[in-house]
Structures are given as C-alpha cells and as structure tokens.
C-alpha cells in the first residue's frame, strides 16, 4: 500500500505542478526574449533611418 501511495505522490504530487509551472515560465521567458530581440532590432533600424534623414535634410 505504501508503494502505491509513493508512486501516486511521485506522479501527481506538488513537484509535478512546480515542474509544469517552471516549464510554462520558461516558455514565457523565451517568448519575451524573442520579442525583446525583435523590438530592439526595430528600434535600431528606426535610429539609423532617423540619422539618415537628418543628414539628408541638413
């Protein structure tokens, strides 16, 4: 009986929920890092465009 309880606890215990939360947090972090990379690239492109047009008009 104890081994059945131990198996159930191992399969469905609190650690399992923490692992799932950690996986979800890691997925969200990966997504946010990708978005940050994209936004940073867009910002750099806009900076270069602003510099180019400032030189052209001045």
Protein backbone atom coordinates (compact mmCIF):
# COMPACT_ATOMS: atom_id res chain seq x y z
CA UNK A 1 0.00 0.00 0.00
CA UNK A 2 2.83 2.38 0.82
CA UNK A 3 4.47 1.87 -2.58
CA UNK A 4 1.21 2.77 -4.32
CA UNK A 5 0.99 5.95 -2.25
CA UNK A 6 4.63 6.78 -3.04
CA UNK A 7 4.03 6.24 -6.75
CA UNK A 8 0.91 8.43 -6.73
CA UNK A 9 2.73 11.14 -4.84
CA UNK A 10 5.61 10.98 -7.29
CA UNK A 11 3.31 11.17 -10.31
CA UNK A 12 0.81 13.74 -9.10
CA UNK A 13 2.43 15.40 -6.11
CA UNK A 14 3.36 19.05 -5.66
CA UNK A 15 6.65 18.65 -7.54
CA UNK A 16 4.78 17.80 -10.73
CA UNK A 17 2.83 21.06 -10.51
CA UNK A 18 6.01 23.04 -9.86
CA UNK A 19 7.68 21.45 -12.89
CA UNK A 20 4.73 22.41 -15.09
CA UNK A 21 4.80 25.98 -13.76
CA UNK A 22 8.53 26.14 -14.39
CA UNK A 23 8.09 24.89 -17.96
CA UNK A 24 5.41 27.49 -18.55
CA UNK A 25 7.61 30.23 -17.09
CA UNK A 26 10.50 29.12 -19.30
CA UNK A 27 8.27 29.23 -22.40
CA UNK A 28 7.08 32.71 -21.48
CA UNK A 29 10.64 33.88 -20.85
CA UNK A 30 11.77 32.51 -24.23
CA UNK A 31 8.85 34.29 -25.93
CA UNK A 32 9.60 37.57 -24.16
CA UNK A 33 13.28 37.37 -25.07
CA UNK A 34 12.37 36.84 -28.73
CA UNK A 35 10.02 39.81 -28.63
CA UNK A 36 12.68 41.97 -26.97
CA UNK A 37 15.17 40.99 -29.68
CA UNK A 38 12.67 41.92 -32.41
CA UNK A 39 11.77 45.26 -30.80
CA UNK A 40 15.45 46.11 -30.27
CA UNK A 41 16.16 45.44 -33.95
CA UNK A 42 13.21 47.64 -34.96
CA UNK A 43 14.49 50.42 -32.69
CA UNK A 44 17.97 50.22 -34.18
CA UNK A 45 16.56 50.39 -37.72
CA UNK A 46 14.49 53.45 -36.79
CA UNK A 47 17.56 55.12 -35.26
CA UNK A 48 19.53 54.55 -38.47
CA UNK A 49 16.65 55.88 -40.56
CA UNK A 50 16.35 58.98 -38.38
CA UNK A 51 20.10 59.61 -38.67
CA UNK A 52 19.97 59.17 -42.44
CA UNK A 53 17.06 61.57 -42.92
CA UNK A 54 18.60 64.13 -40.53
CA UNK A 55 21.74 64.18 -42.68
CA UNK A 56 19.69 64.46 -45.90
CA UNK A 57 17.64 67.41 -44.66
CA UNK A 58 20.54 69.24 -43.02
